[in-house]
Amino acid sequence: MRFGTAFAMAVLTLGLGACASMEWAKPDSTPEQAEADSLQCQRDAWQEAHRYWYYRPFGPMGFRDALGRPLFGGPYGVGPDPFADPALQESRLAMFCMRSKGYELVPSDKN
């Protein structure tokens, strides 16, 4: 088997494995309880992630560096800020909430 074919098969195998659906599972909980906990965590995460979002500056700002030179830049610093996007923050908070309740993210048997 040539290297290109083996590489393509490895990429395809990894790609198909990434498509597996996941669900929250806890040994002593029913599916209804898991769904209720998930909804509660999502609500709480949404509220926390959007709490201060509306008070953040949206445009470029002027500021000074440590030597007092004027600079002009974005409100979130250099590079991507993971806390600048409320959707990413909401996802992290919801996952933290579910894990703190004892759930683990496992592959789903439903297809």
N, C-alpha and C. Protein backbone atom coordinates (compact mmCIF):
# COMPACT_ATOMS: atom_id res chain seq x y z
N MET A 1 0.86 -1.17 0.00
CA MET A 1 0.00 0.00 0.00
C MET A 1 0.90 1.23 0.00
N ARG A 2 0.59 2.15 -0.85
CA ARG A 2 1.39 3.36 -0.95
C ARG A 2 1.11 4.28 0.22
N PHE A 3 2.04 5.19 0.49
CA PHE A 3 1.92 6.11 1.61
C PHE A 3 0.69 7.01 1.46
N GLY A 4 0.41 7.50 0.28
CA GLY A 4 -0.73 8.39 0.05
C GLY A 4 -2.05 7.71 0.36
N THR A 5 -2.18 6.45 -0.03
CA THR A 5 -3.40 5.71 0.23
C THR A 5 -3.56 5.43 1.73
N ALA A 6 -2.47 5.06 2.37
CA ALA A 6 -2.53 4.80 3.82
C ALA A 6 -2.86 6.08 4.59
N PHE A 7 -2.29 7.19 4.16
CA PHE A 7 -2.56 8.46 4.81
C PHE A 7 -4.03 8.85 4.63
N ALA A 8 -4.55 8.69 3.44
CA ALA A 8 -5.96 9.03 3.16
C ALA A 8 -6.89 8.15 4.00
N MET A 9 -6.57 6.87 4.14
CA MET A 9 -7.41 5.99 4.95
C MET A 9 -7.36 6.38 6.43
N ALA A 10 -6.20 6.78 6.92
CA ALA A 10 -6.07 7.21 8.32
C ALA A 10 -6.88 8.47 8.57
N VAL A 11 -6.80 9.41 7.65
CA VAL A 11 -7.57 10.66 7.79
C VAL A 11 -9.06 10.36 7.75
N LEU A 12 -9.49 9.49 6.87
CA LEU A 12 -10.90 9.13 6.76
C LEU A 12 -11.38 8.44 8.04
N THR A 13 -10.58 7.55 8.58
CA THR A 13 -10.95 6.86 9.82
C THR A 13 -11.07 7.84 10.98
N LEU A 14 -10.13 8.73 11.11
CA LEU A 14 -10.20 9.73 12.17
C LEU A 14 -11.37 10.68 11.97
N GLY A 15 -11.64 11.03 10.73
CA GLY A 15 -12.76 11.93 10.44
C GLY A 15 -14.10 11.30 10.77
N LEU A 16 -14.28 10.04 10.47
CA LEU A 16 -15.53 9.37 10.79
C LEU A 16 -15.69 9.17 12.29
N GLY A 17 -14.60 8.97 12.98
CA GLY A 17 -14.66 8.83 14.43
C GLY A 17 -15.07 10.13 15.11
N ALA A 18 -14.75 11.25 14.50
CA ALA A 18 -15.11 12.55 15.08
C ALA A 18 -16.59 12.86 14.91
N CYS A 19 -17.29 12.11 14.09
CA CYS A 19 -18.71 12.37 13.85
C CYS A 19 -19.63 11.66 14.84
N ALA A 20 -19.08 10.95 15.79
CA ALA A 20 -19.90 10.23 16.76
C ALA A 20 -20.68 11.21 17.63
N SER A 21 -21.96 10.92 17.87
CA SER A 21 -22.74 11.80 18.72
C SER A 21 -22.42 11.48 20.18
N MET A 22 -22.45 12.49 21.01
CA MET A 22 -22.09 12.35 22.41
C MET A 22 -23.29 12.69 23.29
N GLU A 23 -23.29 12.15 24.50
CA GLU A 23 -24.36 12.47 25.46
C GLU A 23 -23.78 12.47 26.87
N TRP A 24 -24.47 13.15 27.76
CA TRP A 24 -24.07 13.20 29.16
C TRP A 24 -24.62 11.96 29.86
N ALA A 25 -23.77 11.27 30.61
CA ALA A 25 -24.19 10.06 31.31
C ALA A 25 -23.68 10.08 32.75
N LYS A 26 -24.52 9.54 33.62
CA LYS A 26 -24.17 9.40 35.03
C LYS A 26 -24.78 8.07 35.47
N PRO A 27 -24.05 7.23 36.18
CA PRO A 27 -24.55 5.89 36.49
C PRO A 27 -25.89 5.85 37.21
N ASP A 28 -26.15 6.76 38.12
CA ASP A 28 -27.36 6.67 38.93
C ASP A 28 -28.45 7.66 38.52
N SER A 29 -28.45 8.09 37.26
CA SER A 29 -29.49 9.05 36.82
C SER A 29 -30.29 8.49 35.66
N THR A 30 -31.54 8.93 35.58
CA THR A 30 -32.41 8.54 34.48
C THR A 30 -32.18 9.50 33.32
N PRO A 31 -32.59 9.13 32.11
CA PRO A 31 -32.47 10.05 30.98
C PRO A 31 -33.24 11.35 31.21
N GLU A 32 -34.38 11.28 31.89
CA GLU A 32 -35.15 12.49 32.16
C GLU A 32 -34.40 13.42 33.11
N GLN A 33 -33.74 12.84 34.12
CA GLN A 33 -32.96 13.65 35.06
C GLN A 33 -31.75 14.27 34.37
N ALA A 34 -31.10 13.51 33.49
CA ALA A 34 -29.96 14.04 32.74
C ALA A 34 -30.39 15.20 31.85
N GLU A 35 -31.55 15.08 31.20
CA GLU A 35 -32.07 16.15 30.35
C GLU A 35 -32.39 17.39 31.17
N ALA A 36 -33.02 17.19 32.34
CA ALA A 36 -33.37 18.33 33.21
C ALA A 36 -32.10 19.02 33.72
N ASP A 37 -31.10 18.25 34.11
CA ASP A 37 -29.84 18.84 34.57
C ASP A 37 -29.15 19.59 33.44
N SER A 38 -29.17 19.03 32.25
CA SER A 38 -28.55 19.67 31.10
C SER A 38 -29.23 21.00 30.78
N LEU A 39 -30.55 21.01 30.79
CA LEU A 39 -31.27 22.27 30.52
C LEU A 39 -30.98 23.32 31.58
N GLN A 40 -30.93 22.90 32.85
CA GLN A 40 -30.64 23.85 33.91
C GLN A 40 -29.22 24.41 33.77
N CYS A 41 -28.27 23.55 33.45
CA CYS A 41 -26.89 24.01 33.26
C CYS A 41 -26.79 24.96 32.07
N GLN A 42 -27.52 24.67 30.99
CA GLN A 42 -27.48 25.55 29.82
C GLN A 42 -28.08 26.91 30.14
N ARG A 43 -29.18 26.93 30.90
CA ARG A 43 -29.79 28.21 31.29
C ARG A 43 -28.83 29.03 32.15
N ASP A 44 -28.26 28.38 33.16
CA ASP A 44 -27.34 29.09 34.05
C ASP A 44 -26.10 29.58 33.30
N ALA A 45 -25.59 28.77 32.39
CA ALA A 45 -24.41 29.15 31.61
C ALA A 45 -24.73 30.33 30.70
N TRP A 46 -25.90 30.32 30.08
CA TRP A 46 -26.28 31.44 29.20
C TRP A 46 -26.36 32.74 30.00
N GLN A 47 -26.98 32.69 31.18
CA GLN A 47 -27.10 33.89 32.00
C GLN A 47 -25.73 34.41 32.42
N GLU A 48 -24.85 33.52 32.82
CA GLU A 48 -23.52 33.94 33.27
C GLU A 48 -22.68 34.47 32.11
N ALA A 49 -22.74 33.82 30.96
CA ALA A 49 -21.92 34.24 29.82
C ALA A 49 -22.38 35.57 29.25
N HIS A 50 -23.66 35.88 29.35
CA HIS A 50 -24.16 37.13 28.77
C HIS A 50 -24.33 38.24 29.80
N ARG A 51 -23.93 37.99 31.02
CA ARG A 51 -24.13 38.98 32.08
C ARG A 51 -23.43 40.30 31.78
N TYR A 52 -22.16 40.28 31.41
CA TYR A 52 -21.40 41.51 31.20
C TYR A 52 -21.11 41.78 29.73
N TRP A 53 -21.64 40.97 28.83
CA TRP A 53 -21.33 41.11 27.42
C TRP A 53 -21.76 42.48 26.88
N TYR A 54 -22.87 43.00 27.31
CA TYR A 54 -23.38 44.25 26.77
C TYR A 54 -22.61 45.47 27.26
N TYR A 55 -21.78 45.30 28.29
CA TYR A 55 -21.03 46.42 28.83
C TYR A 55 -19.60 46.49 28.31
N ARG A 56 -19.24 45.60 27.44
CA ARG A 56 -17.89 45.59 26.90
C ARG A 56 -17.78 46.54 25.72
N PRO A 57 -16.64 47.19 25.54
CA PRO A 57 -16.47 48.08 24.38
C PRO A 57 -16.39 47.26 23.09
N PHE A 58 -16.96 47.78 22.03
CA PHE A 58 -16.98 47.05 20.76
C PHE A 58 -15.94 47.55 19.77
N GLY A 59 -15.54 48.78 19.87
CA GLY A 59 -14.63 49.34 18.88
C GLY A 59 -13.21 49.45 19.39
N PRO A 60 -12.30 49.90 18.52
CA PRO A 60 -10.92 50.11 18.93
C PRO A 60 -10.83 51.18 20.02
N MET A 61 -9.81 51.05 20.86
CA MET A 61 -9.63 51.98 21.96
C MET A 61 -8.23 52.57 21.93
N GLY A 62 -8.08 53.75 22.48
CA GLY A 62 -6.76 54.35 22.65
C GLY A 62 -6.29 54.11 24.06
N PHE A 63 -5.02 53.77 24.23
CA PHE A 63 -4.45 53.57 25.55
C PHE A 63 -2.96 53.83 25.48
N ARG A 64 -2.27 53.76 26.59
CA ARG A 64 -0.83 54.01 26.63
C ARG A 64 -0.10 52.76 27.12
N ASP A 65 1.11 52.55 26.58
CA ASP A 65 1.90 51.42 27.01
C ASP A 65 2.67 51.76 28.29
N ALA A 66 3.56 50.88 28.75
CA ALA A 66 4.29 51.08 30.00
C ALA A 66 5.22 52.29 29.96
N LEU A 67 5.66 52.71 28.77
CA LEU A 67 6.53 53.88 28.64
C LEU A 67 5.75 55.16 28.39
N GLY A 68 4.44 55.09 28.37
CA GLY A 68 3.61 56.27 28.18
C GLY A 68 3.33 56.61 26.73
N ARG A 69 3.74 55.77 25.79
CA ARG A 69 3.48 56.03 24.38
C ARG A 69 2.04 55.72 24.05
N PRO A 70 1.39 56.57 23.24
CA PRO A 70 0.00 56.29 22.89
C PRO A 70 -0.09 55.11 21.91
N LEU A 71 -1.04 54.25 22.15
CA LEU A 71 -1.30 53.10 21.28
C LEU A 71 -2.78 53.08 20.95
N PHE A 72 -3.08 52.40 19.88
CA PHE A 72 -4.46 52.29 19.43
C PHE A 72 -4.69 50.83 19.08
N GLY A 73 -5.66 50.21 19.72
CA GLY A 73 -5.87 48.79 19.45
C GLY A 73 -7.26 48.34 19.80
N GLY A 74 -7.49 47.07 19.59
CA GLY A 74 -8.79 46.49 19.88
C GLY A 74 -9.04 46.38 21.37
N PRO A 75 -10.26 46.29 21.75
CA PRO A 75 -10.58 46.23 23.18
C PRO A 75 -10.23 44.91 23.84
N TYR A 76 -9.88 43.88 23.07
CA TYR A 76 -9.65 42.58 23.65
C TYR A 76 -8.19 42.16 23.59
N GLY A 77 -7.29 43.07 23.31
CA GLY A 77 -5.88 42.76 23.30
C GLY A 77 -5.44 42.10 22.00
N VAL A 78 -4.28 41.49 22.06
CA VAL A 78 -3.71 40.86 20.87
C VAL A 78 -4.12 39.40 20.84
N GLY A 79 -4.54 38.94 19.69
CA GLY A 79 -4.91 37.55 19.55
C GLY A 79 -6.35 37.29 19.96
N PRO A 80 -6.80 36.08 19.72
CA PRO A 80 -8.18 35.75 20.07
C PRO A 80 -8.38 35.66 21.58
N ASP A 81 -9.40 36.28 22.06
CA ASP A 81 -9.72 36.25 23.49
C ASP A 81 -10.85 35.24 23.69
N PRO A 82 -10.61 34.16 24.43
CA PRO A 82 -11.66 33.15 24.59
C PRO A 82 -12.86 33.67 25.38
N PHE A 83 -12.67 34.73 26.15
CA PHE A 83 -13.77 35.27 26.93
C PHE A 83 -14.54 36.35 26.18
N ALA A 84 -14.09 36.70 24.97
CA ALA A 84 -14.75 37.73 24.19
C ALA A 84 -16.01 37.20 23.50
N ASP A 85 -16.08 35.92 23.28
CA ASP A 85 -17.22 35.32 22.60
C ASP A 85 -18.13 34.66 23.63
N PRO A 86 -19.33 35.18 23.82
CA PRO A 86 -20.20 34.60 24.84
C PRO A 86 -20.63 33.16 24.53
N ALA A 87 -20.67 32.77 23.26
CA ALA A 87 -21.06 31.40 22.92
C ALA A 87 -20.01 30.40 23.40
N LEU A 88 -18.72 30.73 23.23
CA LEU A 88 -17.68 29.84 23.72
C LEU A 88 -17.68 29.78 25.24
N GLN A 89 -17.86 30.93 25.87
CA GLN A 89 -17.91 30.97 27.32
C GLN A 89 -19.11 30.17 27.84
N GLU A 90 -20.25 30.30 27.16
CA GLU A 90 -21.45 29.55 27.56
C GLU A 90 -21.22 28.05 27.47
N SER A 91 -20.58 27.61 26.41
CA SER A 91 -20.30 26.19 26.25
C SER A 91 -19.39 25.67 27.35
N ARG A 92 -18.33 26.42 27.66
CA ARG A 92 -17.42 26.00 28.73
C ARG A 92 -18.13 25.93 30.08
N LEU A 93 -18.97 26.93 30.37
CA LEU A 93 -19.68 26.95 31.64
C LEU A 93 -20.68 25.80 31.76
N ALA A 94 -21.39 25.50 30.67
CA ALA A 94 -22.36 24.40 30.69
C ALA A 94 -21.65 23.06 30.90
N MET A 95 -20.51 22.87 30.24
CA MET A 95 -19.76 21.62 30.42
C MET A 95 -19.23 21.51 31.85
N PHE A 96 -18.75 22.61 32.41
CA PHE A 96 -18.27 22.61 33.79
C PHE A 96 -19.41 22.26 34.75
N CYS A 97 -20.58 22.83 34.52
CA CYS A 97 -21.73 22.57 35.38
C CYS A 97 -22.11 21.09 35.35
N MET A 98 -22.18 20.50 34.17
CA MET A 98 -22.55 19.09 34.07
C MET A 98 -21.49 18.19 34.72
N ARG A 99 -20.23 18.52 34.53
CA ARG A 99 -19.17 17.70 35.15
C ARG A 99 -19.20 17.85 36.66
N SER A 100 -19.54 19.05 37.15
CA SER A 100 -19.60 19.23 38.60
C SER A 100 -20.78 18.48 39.22
N LYS A 101 -21.78 18.14 38.42
CA LYS A 101 -22.92 17.35 38.90
C LYS A 101 -22.64 15.85 38.80
N GLY A 102 -21.47 15.47 38.29
CA GLY A 102 -21.09 14.06 38.23
C GLY A 102 -21.30 13.40 36.88
N TYR A 103 -21.67 14.15 35.86
CA TYR A 103 -21.89 13.58 34.53
C TYR A 103 -20.58 13.51 33.76
N GLU A 104 -20.52 12.58 32.82
CA GLU A 104 -19.39 12.47 31.90
C GLU A 104 -19.92 12.43 30.49
N LEU A 105 -19.18 13.00 29.56
CA LEU A 105 -19.56 13.01 28.15
C LEU A 105 -19.08 11.71 27.52
N VAL A 106 -20.01 10.88 27.04
CA VAL A 106 -19.69 9.58 26.47
C VAL A 106 -20.33 9.45 25.08
N PRO A 107 -19.80 8.59 24.23
CA PRO A 107 -20.43 8.36 22.92
C PRO A 107 -21.83 7.79 23.11
N SER A 108 -22.75 8.24 22.29
CA SER A 108 -24.14 7.80 22.38
C SER A 108 -24.35 6.51 21.62
N ASP A 109 -25.21 5.60 22.14
CA ASP A 109 -25.51 4.38 21.39
C ASP A 109 -26.64 4.60 20.41
N LYS A 110 -27.34 5.72 20.50
CA LYS A 110 -28.45 5.99 19.57
C LYS A 110 -27.90 6.44 18.24
N ASN A 111 -28.47 5.97 17.16
CA ASN A 111 -28.03 6.37 15.81
C ASN A 111 -29.17 6.93 15.05
